């Protein structure tokens, strides 16, 4: 029996492209669809989580929001991978810099994700899971960034379960010593869901604030101005 529609996605079978761009913010999803996609149509709006499918340079591409945090992207990416036959998900989101080598608006590609989350325990491995992004997608993103003249920084990222941690990010100094570039809240779950489904995932992140300098961009800028990250993702979709 078909599991489409799901409790969270009411799109019909075949509504999504093989590749889905996945920002956290539904308004960023809408911005991408209206700015970059031709013939874009709304295919999901359950709970206001907007998903669109259209064409970019003749390719069928979808974009749908994930919401915030690993539980949320865990649900949406699982349903897309396992019920809607999506092969690739590119998370396009914001992140906080953990190093002074990154400035506001720099773009990072998550090669692997560190975490202190329990999300990986459900897979039954009684050790430490260290999920990686897709090498093929990472390689394609690096090439696309080079063509566009964008400095894309690859490396490990940290996926946190909390935004307002009690006592702040007390682990930040340790993560910095271990080479983590930035902190965000979704990639770890996305990478594990992709691995379990035999699919592909990559996180492309724009630095929106810095835990080193205290600088931060306003919410509107995060919604509409992270175009370099979006354009890299669209080129490899």
Protein backbone atom coordinates (compact mmCIF):
# COMPACT_ATOMS: atom_id res chain seq x y z
CA UNK A 1 0.00 0.00 0.00
CA UNK A 2 1.30 3.43 -0.94
CA UNK A 3 2.48 5.64 1.90
CA UNK A 4 1.83 8.76 -0.19
CA UNK A 5 0.65 11.25 0.97
CA UNK A 6 2.40 11.15 4.31
CA UNK A 7 1.31 12.82 7.57
CA UNK A 8 3.68 15.71 6.74
CA UNK A 9 3.71 15.92 2.93
CA UNK A 10 0.53 15.95 0.84
CA UNK A 11 2.22 16.02 -2.58
CA UNK A 12 1.19 13.33 -5.08
CA UNK A 13 3.58 10.66 -6.34
CA UNK A 14 6.12 12.09 -8.77
CA UNK A 15 5.72 15.64 -7.49
CA UNK A 16 9.36 15.96 -6.42
CA UNK A 17 12.49 16.02 -8.55
CA UNK A 18 15.39 13.62 -7.93
CA UNK A 19 17.15 16.49 -6.13
CA UNK A 20 15.56 18.62 -3.42
CA UNK A 21 17.11 21.79 -2.03
CA UNK A 22 16.20 22.03 1.65
CA UNK A 23 16.45 25.32 3.53
CA UNK A 24 15.17 25.45 7.08
CA UNK A 25 12.92 28.46 6.55
CA UNK A 26 9.72 28.06 4.46
CA UNK A 27 10.09 31.67 3.33
CA UNK A 28 13.54 30.89 1.98
CA UNK A 29 11.98 28.01 0.05
CA UNK A 30 9.45 30.43 -1.43
CA UNK A 31 12.19 32.94 -2.26
CA UNK A 32 14.24 30.32 -4.14
CA UNK A 33 11.22 29.10 -6.10
CA UNK A 34 10.17 32.60 -7.12
CA UNK A 35 13.69 33.84 -7.87
CA UNK A 36 15.30 30.90 -9.64
CA UNK A 37 12.76 28.32 -10.81
CA UNK A 38 10.68 28.47 -13.97
CA UNK A 39 7.12 27.15 -13.90
CA UNK A 40 7.38 26.63 -10.15
CA UNK A 41 4.31 25.12 -8.54
CA UNK A 42 3.49 24.60 -4.88
CA UNK A 43 3.41 20.85 -4.18
CA UNK A 44 3.29 20.89 -0.36
CA UNK A 45 2.06 23.29 2.27
CA UNK A 46 1.21 21.02 5.21
CA UNK A 47 1.92 22.97 8.43
CA UNK A 48 3.12 25.84 6.25
CA UNK A 49 6.23 23.91 5.20
CA UNK A 50 6.30 25.01 1.60
CA UNK A 51 7.62 22.74 -1.14
CA UNK A 52 7.90 23.73 -4.79
CA UNK A 53 8.91 21.97 -8.01
CA UNK A 54 10.01 23.75 -11.17
CA UNK A 55 12.85 23.92 -13.67
CA UNK A 56 16.31 25.43 -13.39
CA UNK A 57 18.21 25.65 -16.69
CA UNK A 58 15.99 22.91 -18.08
CA UNK A 59 16.41 20.56 -15.09
CA UNK A 60 13.55 19.55 -12.82
CA UNK A 61 14.39 20.78 -9.33
CA UNK A 62 12.46 20.87 -6.06
CA UNK A 63 12.89 23.01 -2.98
CA UNK A 64 11.19 22.34 0.34
CA UNK A 65 11.74 23.63 3.86
CA UNK A 66 12.93 21.32 6.63
CA UNK A 67 11.97 23.32 9.69
CA UNK A 68 14.44 23.73 12.53
CA UNK A 69 16.44 21.01 14.22
CA UNK A 70 17.30 17.36 13.67
CA UNK A 71 13.87 15.91 14.56
CA UNK A 72 12.24 18.13 11.93
CA UNK A 73 14.66 17.54 9.06
CA UNK A 74 14.74 13.90 10.14
CA UNK A 75 11.03 13.55 9.35
CA UNK A 76 11.04 15.41 6.04
CA UNK A 77 14.23 13.90 4.65
CA UNK A 78 13.10 10.38 5.65
CA UNK A 79 9.80 10.76 3.81
CA UNK A 80 11.42 12.28 0.73
CA UNK A 81 14.12 9.60 0.54
CA UNK A 82 11.94 6.61 1.33
CA UNK A 83 8.47 7.45 0.00
CA UNK A 84 8.98 10.02 -2.78
CA UNK A 85 12.03 8.45 -4.47
CA UNK A 86 14.20 11.54 -3.94
CA UNK A 87 17.86 10.67 -4.53
CA UNK A 88 19.66 13.82 -3.38
CA UNK A 89 18.97 16.41 -0.70
CA UNK A 90 21.07 19.55 -0.42
CA UNK A 91 20.62 21.38 2.85
CA UNK A 92 21.09 25.10 2.31
CA UNK A 93 21.12 26.87 5.62
CA UNK A 94 22.78 29.28 7.97
CA UNK A 95 25.49 28.55 10.51
CA UNK A 96 27.53 30.19 13.24
CA UNK A 97 31.28 30.38 12.68
CA UNK A 98 33.52 28.62 15.19
CA UNK A 99 36.74 29.98 13.69
CA UNK A 100 38.05 33.45 12.95
CA UNK A 101 39.02 32.19 9.49
CA UNK A 102 35.35 32.47 8.47
CA UNK A 103 33.62 35.79 7.91
CA UNK A 104 29.92 36.65 7.63
CA UNK A 105 28.45 35.37 4.32
CA UNK A 106 31.28 32.86 3.73
CA UNK A 107 30.01 29.51 2.41
CA UNK A 108 30.91 26.16 3.99
CA UNK A 109 30.42 22.61 2.68
CA UNK A 110 29.98 20.02 5.42
CA UNK A 111 32.30 17.10 4.74
CA UNK A 112 31.23 15.42 7.97
CA UNK A 113 29.10 16.30 10.98
CA UNK A 114 30.01 16.20 14.66
CA UNK A 115 27.20 16.14 17.22
CA UNK A 116 26.22 15.57 20.83
CA UNK A 117 22.72 14.49 19.74
CA UNK A 118 21.16 11.08 20.41
CA UNK A 119 19.66 10.99 16.90
CA UNK A 120 22.02 8.25 15.74
CA UNK A 121 21.08 5.80 18.51
CA UNK A 122 17.98 4.66 16.61
CA UNK A 123 20.13 2.94 13.98
CA UNK A 124 21.26 0.27 16.44
CA UNK A 125 25.02 0.83 16.27
CA UNK A 126 26.45 0.93 19.79
CA UNK A 127 29.34 3.20 18.99
CA UNK A 128 29.89 6.64 17.50
CA UNK A 129 28.41 7.28 14.09
CA UNK A 130 30.31 9.82 12.00
CA UNK A 131 28.20 10.54 8.91
CA UNK A 132 29.71 12.15 5.84
CA UNK A 133 28.24 14.15 3.02
CA UNK A 134 28.23 12.74 -0.50
CA UNK A 135 31.70 12.93 -2.07
CA UNK A 136 30.24 13.24 -5.56
CA UNK A 137 28.04 16.14 -4.54
CA UNK A 138 30.84 17.79 -2.59
CA UNK A 139 33.17 17.51 -5.58
CA UNK A 140 30.50 18.95 -7.88
CA UNK A 141 29.85 21.79 -5.44
CA UNK A 142 33.55 22.65 -5.26
CA UNK A 143 33.72 22.76 -9.07
CA UNK A 144 30.55 24.87 -9.31
CA UNK A 145 31.85 27.31 -6.71
CA UNK A 146 35.12 27.67 -8.58
CA UNK A 147 33.26 28.45 -11.82
CA UNK A 148 31.18 31.06 -9.98
CA UNK A 149 34.20 32.62 -8.31
CA UNK A 150 32.98 31.68 -4.83
CA UNK A 151 35.39 30.52 -2.13
CA UNK A 152 33.67 27.38 -0.78
CA UNK A 153 35.27 26.08 2.42
CA UNK A 154 34.98 22.30 2.98
CA UNK A 155 35.40 20.73 6.39
CA UNK A 156 33.71 19.27 9.48
CA UNK A 157 30.69 21.00 10.96
CA UNK A 158 28.88 20.64 14.28
CA UNK A 159 25.16 19.85 14.49
CA UNK A 160 23.65 20.96 17.78
CA UNK A 161 20.32 20.02 19.37
CA UNK A 162 20.00 23.42 21.03
CA UNK A 163 20.12 27.04 19.95
CA UNK A 164 20.01 28.64 23.39
CA UNK A 165 22.32 26.32 25.31
CA UNK A 166 22.48 26.76 29.07
CA UNK A 167 25.82 28.42 29.73
CA UNK A 168 26.29 29.13 26.01
CA UNK A 169 28.30 26.90 23.69
CA UNK A 170 30.65 25.55 26.35
CA UNK A 171 31.96 23.00 23.85
CA UNK A 172 33.03 25.69 21.38
CA UNK A 173 36.72 25.77 22.44
CA UNK A 174 36.96 21.98 22.15
CA UNK A 175 35.25 21.96 18.77
CA UNK A 176 37.56 24.70 17.55
CA UNK A 177 40.61 22.60 18.51
CA UNK A 178 39.08 19.63 16.65
CA UNK A 179 38.70 21.70 13.50
CA UNK A 180 34.93 22.19 13.40
CA UNK A 181 34.20 25.14 11.13
CA UNK A 182 30.72 26.13 12.26
CA UNK A 183 27.63 25.14 14.20
CA UNK A 184 24.17 24.41 12.77
CA UNK A 185 21.25 22.16 13.73
CA UNK A 186 20.31 19.72 10.96
CA UNK A 187 23.11 18.12 8.92
CA UNK A 188 23.87 15.18 11.21
CA UNK A 189 20.34 13.79 10.94
CA UNK A 190 20.20 14.44 7.20
CA UNK A 191 23.49 12.62 6.59
CA UNK A 192 22.42 9.60 8.64
CA UNK A 193 19.05 9.36 6.90
CA UNK A 194 20.79 9.52 3.53
CA UNK A 195 23.24 6.78 4.54
CA UNK A 196 20.47 4.52 5.82
CA UNK A 197 18.44 4.98 2.63
CA UNK A 198 21.41 4.61 0.29
CA UNK A 199 20.89 8.15 -0.96
CA UNK A 200 23.02 11.32 -1.15
CA UNK A 201 23.13 14.46 0.97
CA UNK A 202 25.25 17.57 1.34
CA UNK A 203 25.03 20.62 3.60
CA UNK A 204 25.94 23.99 2.12
CA UNK A 205 25.94 26.65 4.82
CA UNK A 206 26.29 30.42 4.82
CA UNK A 207 27.86 32.02 7.88
CA UNK A 208 25.17 34.20 9.43
CA UNK A 209 26.87 34.91 12.76
CA UNK A 210 30.13 34.30 14.54
CA UNK A 211 30.72 32.77 17.96
CA UNK A 212 34.21 34.27 17.76
CA UNK A 213 33.46 37.92 17.00
CA UNK A 214 29.81 38.18 18.05
CA UNK A 215 28.77 39.58 14.65
CA UNK A 216 25.37 38.56 13.25
CA UNK A 217 23.15 39.20 10.24
CA UNK A 218 19.45 40.13 10.59
CA UNK A 219 16.70 37.57 9.84
CA UNK A 220 15.71 39.21 6.54
CA UNK A 221 19.24 38.87 5.19
CA UNK A 222 19.24 35.17 6.10
CA UNK A 223 16.00 34.72 4.19
CA UNK A 224 16.81 36.50 0.93
CA UNK A 225 20.52 37.29 0.49
CA UNK A 226 22.34 33.96 0.79
CA UNK A 227 22.32 33.67 -2.99
CA UNK A 228 25.84 32.29 -3.51
CA UNK A 229 24.98 29.17 -1.52
CA UNK A 230 21.67 28.82 -3.38
CA UNK A 231 23.29 29.16 -6.80
CA UNK A 232 25.93 26.51 -6.04
CA UNK A 233 23.18 24.12 -4.93
CA UNK A 234 21.11 24.78 -8.04
CA UNK A 235 24.08 24.15 -10.32
CA UNK A 236 24.65 20.67 -8.89
CA UNK A 237 20.97 19.73 -8.53
